[in-house]
């Protein structure tokens, strides 16, 4: 299951012997098992023939795929790679409902005491945020989200933790809906998901 053209993808590189980072790119073309991916910056040593791990969203799943670098061209500060699939992708995280992209909404969360964590997407059961600190998969974290005139506070469990090339970490979080706080958090995620979807539909209808 290849990524979609125009979608974001992350390629894992070994920055040091003990530290791995993900370089974000955009899928420019998909031709069978070969993908062409463009990167804004070239920060890591690259050898044709190297095998790397790629991470991307496809539908409701977050997938991991082993790929081989077949070619690489640099131009200015960026680069373009042709990647070939090796084997089949593995699901490393799912969310039952469709996710709503929120990268253009300016939404932020306070996660485990860290404020100003950008929210990347939201669904009825969870969300994705970028945080300065990395948190292990399986940990439960306090979260506070301000949306409109309300603030939703509760706990979320880390399901996916992906290091980014800028030193931050993207976390896929699933809501913990126990008790009154959990009920309010679920209500908040539902409100956010539905209202953002409605706003998008209104803008699309107005522009058509």
Protein backbone atom coordinates (compact mmCIF):
# COMPACT_ATOMS: atom_id res chain seq x y z
CA UNK A 1 0.00 0.00 0.00
CA UNK A 2 2.00 2.95 -1.33
CA UNK A 3 1.63 6.52 -0.04
CA UNK A 4 -0.48 8.97 -2.01
CA UNK A 5 1.09 11.51 -4.34
CA UNK A 6 1.33 14.84 -2.52
CA UNK A 7 1.28 13.26 0.94
CA UNK A 8 3.95 13.67 3.61
CA UNK A 9 6.42 10.90 4.32
CA UNK A 10 9.25 10.48 6.85
CA UNK A 11 12.53 8.64 6.16
CA UNK A 12 14.56 7.46 9.15
CA UNK A 13 18.24 8.30 9.22
CA UNK A 14 20.89 7.57 11.83
CA UNK A 15 22.09 11.01 12.91
CA UNK A 16 24.61 9.46 15.33
CA UNK A 17 25.38 5.99 16.61
CA UNK A 18 22.68 6.40 19.29
CA UNK A 19 20.27 8.88 17.75
CA UNK A 20 17.84 8.40 14.90
CA UNK A 21 15.77 11.12 13.27
CA UNK A 22 13.03 11.29 10.65
CA UNK A 23 13.47 13.57 7.64
CA UNK A 24 10.13 14.83 6.27
CA UNK A 25 9.52 14.73 2.52
CA UNK A 26 6.69 14.98 0.01
CA UNK A 27 5.72 12.15 -2.35
CA UNK A 28 6.02 13.59 -5.86
CA UNK A 29 5.27 10.41 -7.86
CA UNK A 30 4.38 6.75 -7.36
CA UNK A 31 5.11 4.22 -10.12
CA UNK A 32 4.36 0.74 -8.87
CA UNK A 33 6.84 -0.13 -6.11
CA UNK A 34 8.96 2.99 -6.75
CA UNK A 35 8.31 6.37 -5.15
CA UNK A 36 9.85 9.73 -5.97
CA UNK A 37 10.20 11.86 -2.84
CA UNK A 38 11.37 15.47 -2.56
CA UNK A 39 13.03 16.98 0.51
CA UNK A 40 13.48 20.66 1.36
CA UNK A 41 16.81 20.04 3.04
CA UNK A 42 19.59 17.47 2.76
CA UNK A 43 20.94 16.97 6.28
CA UNK A 44 22.20 13.38 6.22
CA UNK A 45 24.79 11.33 4.38
CA UNK A 46 23.06 9.28 1.70
CA UNK A 47 24.35 6.32 -0.32
CA UNK A 48 22.54 4.78 -3.27
CA UNK A 49 21.61 1.25 -2.24
CA UNK A 50 21.07 2.15 1.41
CA UNK A 51 17.98 0.61 3.01
CA UNK A 52 15.87 2.88 5.20
CA UNK A 53 12.56 2.84 7.07
CA UNK A 54 9.78 5.06 5.74
CA UNK A 55 6.70 6.14 7.73
CA UNK A 56 3.49 7.53 6.26
CA UNK A 57 -0.27 7.70 6.64
CA UNK A 58 -2.52 5.78 4.31
CA UNK A 59 -6.24 6.02 5.00
CA UNK A 60 -6.71 5.33 8.70
CA UNK A 61 -3.34 3.67 9.25
CA UNK A 62 0.17 4.87 10.07
CA UNK A 63 2.49 2.54 8.15
CA UNK A 64 6.15 1.54 8.30
CA UNK A 65 7.78 0.42 5.03
CA UNK A 66 11.35 -0.68 4.34
CA UNK A 67 12.72 1.03 1.20
CA UNK A 68 15.95 1.08 -0.83
CA UNK A 69 17.44 4.35 -2.14
CA UNK A 70 17.75 3.80 -5.91
CA UNK A 71 18.88 7.33 -6.84
CA UNK A 72 19.41 10.74 -5.26
CA UNK A 73 19.82 14.17 -6.79
CA UNK A 74 20.61 17.37 -4.92
CA UNK A 75 19.68 20.85 -6.07
CA UNK A 76 20.18 23.99 -4.02
CA UNK A 77 19.34 23.09 -0.43
CA UNK A 78 16.94 20.26 -1.26
CA UNK A 79 17.09 16.80 -2.80
CA UNK A 80 15.00 14.23 -4.67
CA UNK A 81 15.17 10.48 -4.09
CA UNK A 82 13.73 7.48 -5.86
CA UNK A 83 12.82 4.82 -3.29
CA UNK A 84 11.96 1.19 -4.00
CA UNK A 85 9.70 -0.83 -1.69
CA UNK A 86 11.18 -3.85 0.07
CA UNK A 87 8.56 -6.31 1.27
CA UNK A 88 5.18 -5.26 2.64
CA UNK A 89 4.30 -2.30 4.89
CA UNK A 90 3.56 -2.84 8.57
CA UNK A 91 0.84 -0.99 10.47
CA UNK A 92 2.34 0.81 13.47
CA UNK A 93 -0.73 2.72 14.55
CA UNK A 94 -4.42 2.96 13.75
CA UNK A 95 -7.34 5.11 14.74
CA UNK A 96 -10.81 3.80 14.07
CA UNK A 97 -12.23 7.07 12.76
CA UNK A 98 -11.12 9.33 9.96
CA UNK A 99 -8.59 11.95 11.00
CA UNK A 100 -9.11 15.64 10.31
CA UNK A 101 -5.96 17.56 9.38
CA UNK A 102 -5.54 20.57 11.69
CA UNK A 103 -2.11 21.84 10.61
CA UNK A 104 -3.64 25.05 9.23
CA UNK A 105 -5.85 25.72 12.29
CA UNK A 106 -3.21 26.96 14.72
CA UNK A 107 -4.44 24.58 17.44
CA UNK A 108 -2.12 23.77 20.34
CA UNK A 109 -2.17 21.51 23.39
CA UNK A 110 -0.38 21.45 26.71
CA UNK A 111 1.05 17.92 26.93
CA UNK A 112 2.57 16.65 30.19
CA UNK A 113 3.14 20.25 31.27
CA UNK A 114 4.70 21.38 27.97
CA UNK A 115 2.65 24.22 26.42
CA UNK A 116 2.33 25.19 22.76
CA UNK A 117 2.42 21.68 21.27
CA UNK A 118 0.99 21.99 17.72
CA UNK A 119 -1.94 19.66 17.00
CA UNK A 120 -1.51 17.96 13.63
CA UNK A 121 -4.80 16.09 13.33
CA UNK A 122 -7.81 15.11 15.40
CA UNK A 123 -10.41 12.34 15.39
CA UNK A 124 -13.24 11.25 17.66
CA UNK A 125 -10.84 9.11 19.71
CA UNK A 126 -7.46 10.82 19.58
CA UNK A 127 -5.07 13.28 18.02
CA UNK A 128 -1.50 13.81 16.90
CA UNK A 129 0.73 16.49 18.40
CA UNK A 130 4.34 17.61 18.07
CA UNK A 131 6.18 18.07 21.37
CA UNK A 132 9.66 19.18 22.38
CA UNK A 133 10.02 16.16 24.67
CA UNK A 134 9.76 12.52 23.64
CA UNK A 135 7.39 10.25 25.58
CA UNK A 136 7.47 6.44 25.42
CA UNK A 137 4.72 4.42 23.79
CA UNK A 138 2.23 3.23 26.38
CA UNK A 139 2.66 6.14 28.77
CA UNK A 140 -0.38 8.13 29.93
CA UNK A 141 0.00 11.88 29.79
CA UNK A 142 -2.06 14.79 31.06
CA UNK A 143 -3.34 17.00 28.24
CA UNK A 144 -5.21 20.29 28.04
CA UNK A 145 -6.68 21.58 24.76
CA UNK A 146 -8.25 25.00 24.25
CA UNK A 147 -10.78 25.14 21.42
CA UNK A 148 -12.93 28.20 20.93
CA UNK A 149 -14.40 29.24 24.27
CA UNK A 150 -13.72 25.91 26.02
CA UNK A 151 -10.81 23.97 27.47
CA UNK A 152 -10.77 20.18 27.56
CA UNK A 153 -8.54 18.48 30.13
CA UNK A 154 -7.87 14.78 30.58
CA UNK A 155 -5.41 11.95 29.91
CA UNK A 156 -4.21 10.40 26.66
CA UNK A 157 -2.13 7.32 25.98
CA UNK A 158 0.87 7.45 23.63
CA UNK A 159 0.34 4.97 20.79
CA UNK A 160 2.98 6.22 18.33
CA UNK A 161 6.17 8.20 19.06
CA UNK A 162 8.11 9.40 16.01
CA UNK A 163 11.33 11.49 16.34
CA UNK A 164 11.56 14.36 13.85
CA UNK A 165 14.68 15.79 12.24
CA UNK A 166 14.37 19.09 14.15
CA UNK A 167 14.72 17.32 17.51
CA UNK A 168 11.02 17.32 18.35
CA UNK A 169 8.74 14.26 18.47
CA UNK A 170 5.36 13.60 16.90
CA UNK A 171 3.05 11.61 19.16
CA UNK A 172 -0.08 9.72 18.18
CA UNK A 173 -2.38 9.87 21.21
CA UNK A 174 -5.50 7.90 22.13
CA UNK A 175 -7.95 9.35 24.63
CA UNK A 176 -8.47 7.77 28.05
CA UNK A 177 -12.19 8.19 28.55
CA UNK A 178 -12.57 6.95 32.14
CA UNK A 179 -14.56 9.06 34.62
CA UNK A 180 -15.94 12.58 34.28
CA UNK A 181 -12.72 14.05 32.90
CA UNK A 182 -12.60 11.34 30.23
CA UNK A 183 -16.20 12.04 29.26
CA UNK A 184 -15.44 15.76 28.87
CA UNK A 185 -12.31 14.99 26.85
CA UNK A 186 -14.25 12.72 24.49
CA UNK A 187 -16.88 15.45 24.10
CA UNK A 188 -14.14 17.93 23.28
CA UNK A 189 -12.56 15.69 20.62
CA UNK A 190 -15.99 15.15 19.08
CA UNK A 191 -16.71 18.90 19.02
CA UNK A 192 -13.32 19.68 17.47
CA UNK A 193 -13.64 16.99 14.80
CA UNK A 194 -17.17 17.91 13.74
CA UNK A 195 -16.71 21.70 13.83
CA UNK A 196 -13.47 21.61 11.82
CA UNK A 197 -15.08 19.28 9.27
CA UNK A 198 -18.06 21.66 8.98
CA UNK A 199 -15.76 24.66 8.51
CA UNK A 200 -13.91 22.84 5.73
CA UNK A 201 -17.15 21.90 3.99
CA UNK A 202 -18.41 25.51 4.16
CA UNK A 203 -15.18 26.85 2.65
CA UNK A 204 -15.28 24.20 -0.07
CA UNK A 205 -18.93 24.98 -0.87
CA UNK A 206 -18.24 28.76 -0.96
CA UNK A 207 -15.34 28.34 -3.36
CA UNK A 208 -17.16 26.02 -5.77
